[in-house]
Amino acid sequence: MIETTLSAADLRSPPTVPPAMPVTEAAEYLRRPEVSVLPVLDDGSVVGVVTASDLVAMVAETDGRPSVRTIMSSPVTTVTPETTVDEAATRMRTAGVKHLPVVDDEGYRGVLSAADLAPYLPRHHLDIEWRDDPLSIESDGGREHPPDDRRADSIM
């Protein structure tokens, strides 16, 4: 079996944010339909990621205006360009995450999402359980769908 590495995958490069950025500024980035994750970089190193789910949890749990540092998911699970697609899928499943920052010796390179893996893996490799909310990825242009095929992308 030929192992495909992430260096062959088309990585996205979403905006990156510093840990001290106000959450309101991070939220402005996440309002863009093409941005689903914000890697948090401190001196060029990935120290966390922020997603819309982090913002929702923050709004539900606090009254203040925290910085990105207080809501980011950390420590962050990362992969390298040499990581195989199968290993990346395994890391997503194990960590219960939908995004993996890709880093190498020179630093941050981009983000790999569960949807990016769809063309490379059989469907059963992409089932991810995140906080008791299962996510399944189907190979239909990289769109993420809940397992019962309800379309969550119309909620914005």
C-alpha atoms as a PDB file:
ATOM      1  CA  MET A   1       0.000   0.000   0.000  1.00  0.00           C
ATOM      2  CA  ILE A   2       1.348   3.430  -0.921  1.00  0.00           C
ATOM      3  CA  GLU A   3       1.272   5.892   1.971  1.00  0.00           C
ATOM      4  CA  THR A   4       0.294   9.425   0.996  1.00  0.00           C
ATOM      5  CA  THR A   5       1.937  12.117   3.094  1.00  0.00           C
ATOM      6  CA  LEU A   6       0.500  15.516   3.921  1.00  0.00           C
ATOM      7  CA  SER A   7       3.095  17.170   1.697  1.00  0.00           C
ATOM      8  CA  ALA A   8       0.865  16.000  -1.190  1.00  0.00           C
ATOM      9  CA  ALA A   9      -2.275  17.518   0.363  1.00  0.00           C
ATOM     10  CA  ASP A  10      -3.530  20.972  -0.475  1.00  0.00           C
ATOM     11  CA  LEU A  11      -3.195  22.793   2.866  1.00  0.00           C
ATOM     12  CA  ARG A  12      -5.220  25.856   3.695  1.00  0.00           C
ATOM     13  CA  SER A  13      -3.542  28.889   5.205  1.00  0.00           C
ATOM     14  CA  PRO A  14      -6.131  30.603   7.373  1.00  0.00           C
ATOM     15  CA  PRO A  15      -5.212  33.798   9.185  1.00  0.00           C
ATOM     16  CA  THR A  16      -3.090  33.285  12.286  1.00  0.00           C
ATOM     17  CA  VAL A  17      -3.560  35.200  15.512  1.00  0.00           C
ATOM     18  CA  PRO A  18      -1.390  36.026  18.542  1.00  0.00           C
ATOM     19  CA  PRO A  19      -2.377  34.771  22.014  1.00  0.00           C
ATOM     20  CA  ALA A  20      -2.971  38.322  23.294  1.00  0.00           C
ATOM     21  CA  MET A  21      -5.462  39.245  20.541  1.00  0.00           C
ATOM     22  CA  PRO A  22      -8.885  40.203  21.904  1.00  0.00           C
ATOM     23  CA  VAL A  23     -11.497  37.532  21.275  1.00  0.00           C
ATOM     24  CA  THR A  24     -13.697  40.058  19.474  1.00  0.00           C
ATOM     25  CA  GLU A  25     -11.028  40.464  16.779  1.00  0.00           C
ATOM     26  CA  ALA A  26     -10.668  36.680  16.427  1.00  0.00           C
ATOM     27  CA  ALA A  27     -14.455  36.441  16.081  1.00  0.00           C
ATOM     28  CA  GLU A  28     -14.328  38.820  13.108  1.00  0.00           C
ATOM     29  CA  TYR A  29     -11.999  36.402  11.292  1.00  0.00           C
ATOM     30  CA  LEU A  30     -14.209  33.412  12.144  1.00  0.00           C
ATOM     31  CA  ARG A  31     -17.267  35.160  10.689  1.00  0.00           C
ATOM     32  CA  ARG A  32     -15.777  34.664   7.229  1.00  0.00           C
ATOM     33  CA  PRO A  33     -17.237  31.548   5.604  1.00  0.00           C
ATOM     34  CA  GLU A  34     -13.817  30.368   4.426  1.00  0.00           C
ATOM     35  CA  VAL A  35     -12.275  30.518   7.935  1.00  0.00           C
ATOM     36  CA  SER A  36     -13.132  27.661  10.312  1.00  0.00           C
ATOM     37  CA  VAL A  37     -10.015  27.686  12.489  1.00  0.00           C
ATOM     38  CA  LEU A  38      -7.435  30.231  13.641  1.00  0.00           C
ATOM     39  CA  PRO A  39      -4.008  28.857  14.501  1.00  0.00           C
ATOM     40  CA  VAL A  40      -2.546  30.767  17.459  1.00  0.00           C
ATOM     41  CA  LEU A  41       1.148  31.558  16.961  1.00  0.00           C
ATOM     42  CA  ASP A  42       3.560  32.840  19.601  1.00  0.00           C
ATOM     43  CA  ASP A  43       7.017  33.700  18.224  1.00  0.00           C
ATOM     44  CA  GLY A  44       6.302  31.564  15.134  1.00  0.00           C
ATOM     45  CA  SER A  45       5.284  28.443  17.092  1.00  0.00           C
ATOM     46  CA  VAL A  46       1.765  27.028  17.136  1.00  0.00           C
ATOM     47  CA  VAL A  47       0.549  27.234  20.742  1.00  0.00           C
ATOM     48  CA  GLY A  48      -3.163  26.632  20.174  1.00  0.00           C
ATOM     49  CA  VAL A  49      -6.135  26.885  17.844  1.00  0.00           C
ATOM     50  CA  VAL A  50      -9.384  28.828  18.103  1.00  0.00           C
ATOM     51  CA  THR A  51     -12.637  27.719  16.479  1.00  0.00           C
ATOM     52  CA  ALA A  52     -16.186  29.016  16.507  1.00  0.00           C
ATOM     53  CA  SER A  53     -16.953  26.354  19.114  1.00  0.00           C
ATOM     54  CA  ASP A  54     -14.411  27.969  21.439  1.00  0.00           C
ATOM     55  CA  LEU A  55     -16.163  31.315  21.018  1.00  0.00           C
ATOM     56  CA  VAL A  56     -19.581  29.817  21.714  1.00  0.00           C
ATOM     57  CA  ALA A  57     -18.263  28.169  24.881  1.00  0.00           C
ATOM     58  CA  MET A  58     -16.684  31.467  25.986  1.00  0.00           C
ATOM     59  CA  VAL A  59     -19.922  33.394  25.497  1.00  0.00           C
ATOM     60  CA  ALA A  60     -21.835  30.744  27.449  1.00  0.00           C
ATOM     61  CA  GLU A  61     -19.319  30.665  30.310  1.00  0.00           C
ATOM     62  CA  THR A  62     -18.086  34.248  30.823  1.00  0.00           C
ATOM     63  CA  ASP A  63     -19.210  37.848  30.950  1.00  0.00           C
ATOM     64  CA  GLY A  64     -15.788  39.384  30.264  1.00  0.00           C
ATOM     65  CA  ARG A  65     -13.767  40.102  27.157  1.00  0.00           C
ATOM     66  CA  PRO A  66     -10.949  37.566  27.347  1.00  0.00           C
ATOM     67  CA  SER A  67      -7.994  37.272  25.008  1.00  0.00           C
ATOM     68  CA  VAL A  68      -7.488  34.433  22.544  1.00  0.00           C
ATOM     69  CA  ARG A  69      -5.074  32.833  25.052  1.00  0.00           C
ATOM     70  CA  THR A  70      -7.938  32.194  27.481  1.00  0.00           C
ATOM     71  CA  ILE A  71     -10.197  30.386  24.991  1.00  0.00           C
ATOM     72  CA  MET A  72      -7.796  28.621  22.613  1.00  0.00           C
ATOM     73  CA  SER A  73      -7.509  24.852  22.635  1.00  0.00           C
ATOM     74  CA  SER A  74      -4.085  23.987  23.997  1.00  0.00           C
ATOM     75  CA  PRO A  75      -1.878  22.020  23.957  1.00  0.00           C
ATOM     76  CA  VAL A  76      -2.440  21.610  20.252  1.00  0.00           C
ATOM     77  CA  THR A  77      -2.046  18.386  18.274  1.00  0.00           C
ATOM     78  CA  THR A  78       0.116  19.032  15.211  1.00  0.00           C
ATOM     79  CA  VAL A  79       1.402  17.084  12.224  1.00  0.00           C
ATOM     80  CA  THR A  80       4.308  17.530   9.819  1.00  0.00           C
ATOM     81  CA  PRO A  81       4.313  17.480   6.008  1.00  0.00           C
ATOM     82  CA  GLU A  82       5.826  13.970   6.279  1.00  0.00           C
ATOM     83  CA  THR A  83       2.887  12.642   8.336  1.00  0.00           C
ATOM     84  CA  THR A  84       0.799  10.162   6.377  1.00  0.00           C
ATOM     85  CA  VAL A  85      -2.842  10.898   5.667  1.00  0.00           C
ATOM     86  CA  ASP A  86      -3.838   7.797   7.652  1.00  0.00           C
ATOM     87  CA  GLU A  87      -1.800   8.948  10.669  1.00  0.00           C
ATOM     88  CA  ALA A  88      -3.328  12.449  10.447  1.00  0.00           C
ATOM     89  CA  ALA A  89      -6.823  10.906  10.495  1.00  0.00           C
ATOM     90  CA  THR A  90      -5.839   8.769  13.485  1.00  0.00           C
ATOM     91  CA  ARG A  91      -4.534  11.823  15.349  1.00  0.00           C
ATOM     92  CA  MET A  92      -7.775  13.707  14.643  1.00  0.00           C
ATOM     93  CA  ARG A  93      -9.840  10.796  15.961  1.00  0.00           C
ATOM     94  CA  THR A  94      -7.644  10.313  19.025  1.00  0.00           C
ATOM     95  CA  ALA A  95      -7.597  14.010  19.932  1.00  0.00           C
ATOM     96  CA  GLY A  96     -11.252  14.575  18.971  1.00  0.00           C
ATOM     97  CA  VAL A  97     -10.365  17.542  16.752  1.00  0.00           C
ATOM     98  CA  LYS A  98     -11.353  18.621  13.241  1.00  0.00           C
ATOM     99  CA  HIS A  99      -8.212  20.635  12.438  1.00  0.00           C
ATOM    100  CA  LEU A 100      -4.486  19.930  12.684  1.00  0.00           C
ATOM    101  CA  PRO A 101      -1.854  22.642  12.246  1.00  0.00           C
ATOM    102  CA  VAL A 102       0.972  21.464   9.990  1.00  0.00           C
ATOM    103  CA  VAL A 103       4.458  22.429  11.202  1.00  0.00           C
ATOM    104  CA  ASP A 104       8.031  21.604  10.264  1.00  0.00           C
ATOM    105  CA  ASP A 105      11.481  22.637  11.478  1.00  0.00           C
ATOM    106  CA  GLU A 106      10.924  26.125  10.096  1.00  0.00           C
ATOM    107  CA  GLY A 107       7.551  26.618  11.808  1.00  0.00           C
ATOM    108  CA  TYR A 108       3.874  26.815  10.869  1.00  0.00           C
ATOM    109  CA  ARG A 109       2.957  25.711   7.316  1.00  0.00           C
ATOM    110  CA  GLY A 110      -0.859  25.584   7.206  1.00  0.00           C
ATOM    111  CA  VAL A 111      -3.917  23.742   8.526  1.00  0.00           C
ATOM    112  CA  LEU A 112      -5.332  20.371   7.590  1.00  0.00           C
ATOM    113  CA  SER A 113      -9.067  19.851   8.201  1.00  0.00           C
ATOM    114  CA  ALA A 114     -11.027  16.629   8.398  1.00  0.00           C
ATOM    115  CA  ALA A 115     -12.720  17.635   5.141  1.00  0.00           C
ATOM    116  CA  ASP A 116      -9.302  17.884   3.461  1.00  0.00           C
ATOM    117  CA  LEU A 117      -8.738  14.191   4.194  1.00  0.00           C
ATOM    118  CA  ALA A 118     -11.960  12.984   2.537  1.00  0.00           C
ATOM    119  CA  PRO A 119     -10.489  12.394  -0.937  1.00  0.00           C
ATOM    120  CA  TYR A 120      -7.663  10.266   0.522  1.00  0.00           C
ATOM    121  CA  LEU A 121      -9.352   7.940   3.015  1.00  0.00           C
ATOM    122  CA  PRO A 122     -12.205   5.452   3.254  1.00  0.00           C
ATOM    123  CA  ARG A 123     -15.207   6.963   5.042  1.00  0.00           C
ATOM    124  CA  HIS A 124     -14.774   5.006   8.308  1.00  0.00           C
ATOM    125  CA  HIS A 125     -11.409   6.708   8.878  1.00  0.00           C
ATOM    126  CA  LEU A 126     -13.089  10.099   9.140  1.00  0.00           C
ATOM    127  CA  ASP A 127     -15.656   9.547  11.876  1.00  0.00           C
ATOM    128  CA  ILE A 128     -14.677  11.884  14.713  1.00  0.00           C
ATOM    129  CA  GLU A 129     -16.392  12.073  18.098  1.00  0.00           C
ATOM    130  CA  TRP A 130     -16.035  15.545  19.591  1.00  0.00           C
ATOM    131  CA  ARG A 131     -17.643  16.299  22.937  1.00  0.00           C
ATOM    132  CA  ASP A 132     -20.334  13.681  22.269  1.00  0.00           C
ATOM    133  CA  ASP A 133     -21.130  15.349  18.911  1.00  0.00           C
ATOM    134  CA  PRO A 134     -20.174  12.923  16.119  1.00  0.00           C
ATOM    135  CA  LEU A 135     -18.912  14.350  12.833  1.00  0.00           C
ATOM    136  CA  SER A 136     -18.748  12.441   9.597  1.00  0.00           C
ATOM    137  CA  ILE A 137     -17.020  13.656   6.487  1.00  0.00           C
ATOM    138  CA  GLU A 138     -18.269  12.614   3.085  1.00  0.00           C
ATOM    139  CA  SER A 139     -16.294  12.923  -0.094  1.00  0.00           C
ATOM    140  CA  ASP A 140     -18.496  15.528  -1.814  1.00  0.00           C
ATOM    141  CA  GLY A 141     -16.188  18.444  -2.261  1.00  0.00           C
ATOM    142  CA  GLY A 142     -14.983  18.495   1.326  1.00  0.00           C
ATOM    143  CA  ARG A 143     -18.199  19.595   3.039  1.00  0.00           C
ATOM    144  CA  GLU A 144     -18.602  18.485   6.648  1.00  0.00           C
ATOM    145  CA  HIS A 145     -21.940  16.877   7.568  1.00  0.00           C
ATOM    146  CA  PRO A 146     -23.404  15.530  10.808  1.00  0.00           C
ATOM    147  CA  PRO A 147     -23.903  11.753  10.623  1.00  0.00           C
ATOM    148  CA  ASP A 148     -27.655  11.954   9.920  1.00  0.00           C
ATOM    149  CA  ASP A 149     -26.879  14.269   6.980  1.00  0.00           C
ATOM    150  CA  ARG A 150     -28.536  17.336   8.506  1.00  0.00           C
ATOM    151  CA  ARG A 151     -27.031  20.342   6.777  1.00  0.00           C
ATOM    152  CA  ALA A 152     -25.450  22.471   9.499  1.00  0.00           C
ATOM    153  CA  ASP A 153     -23.817  24.851   7.017  1.00  0.00           C
ATOM    154  CA  SER A 154     -27.005  26.883   6.597  1.00  0.00           C
ATOM    155  CA  ILE A 155     -26.979  28.088  10.212  1.00  0.00           C
ATOM    156  CA  MET A 156     -24.625  31.058   9.662  1.00  0.00           C
END
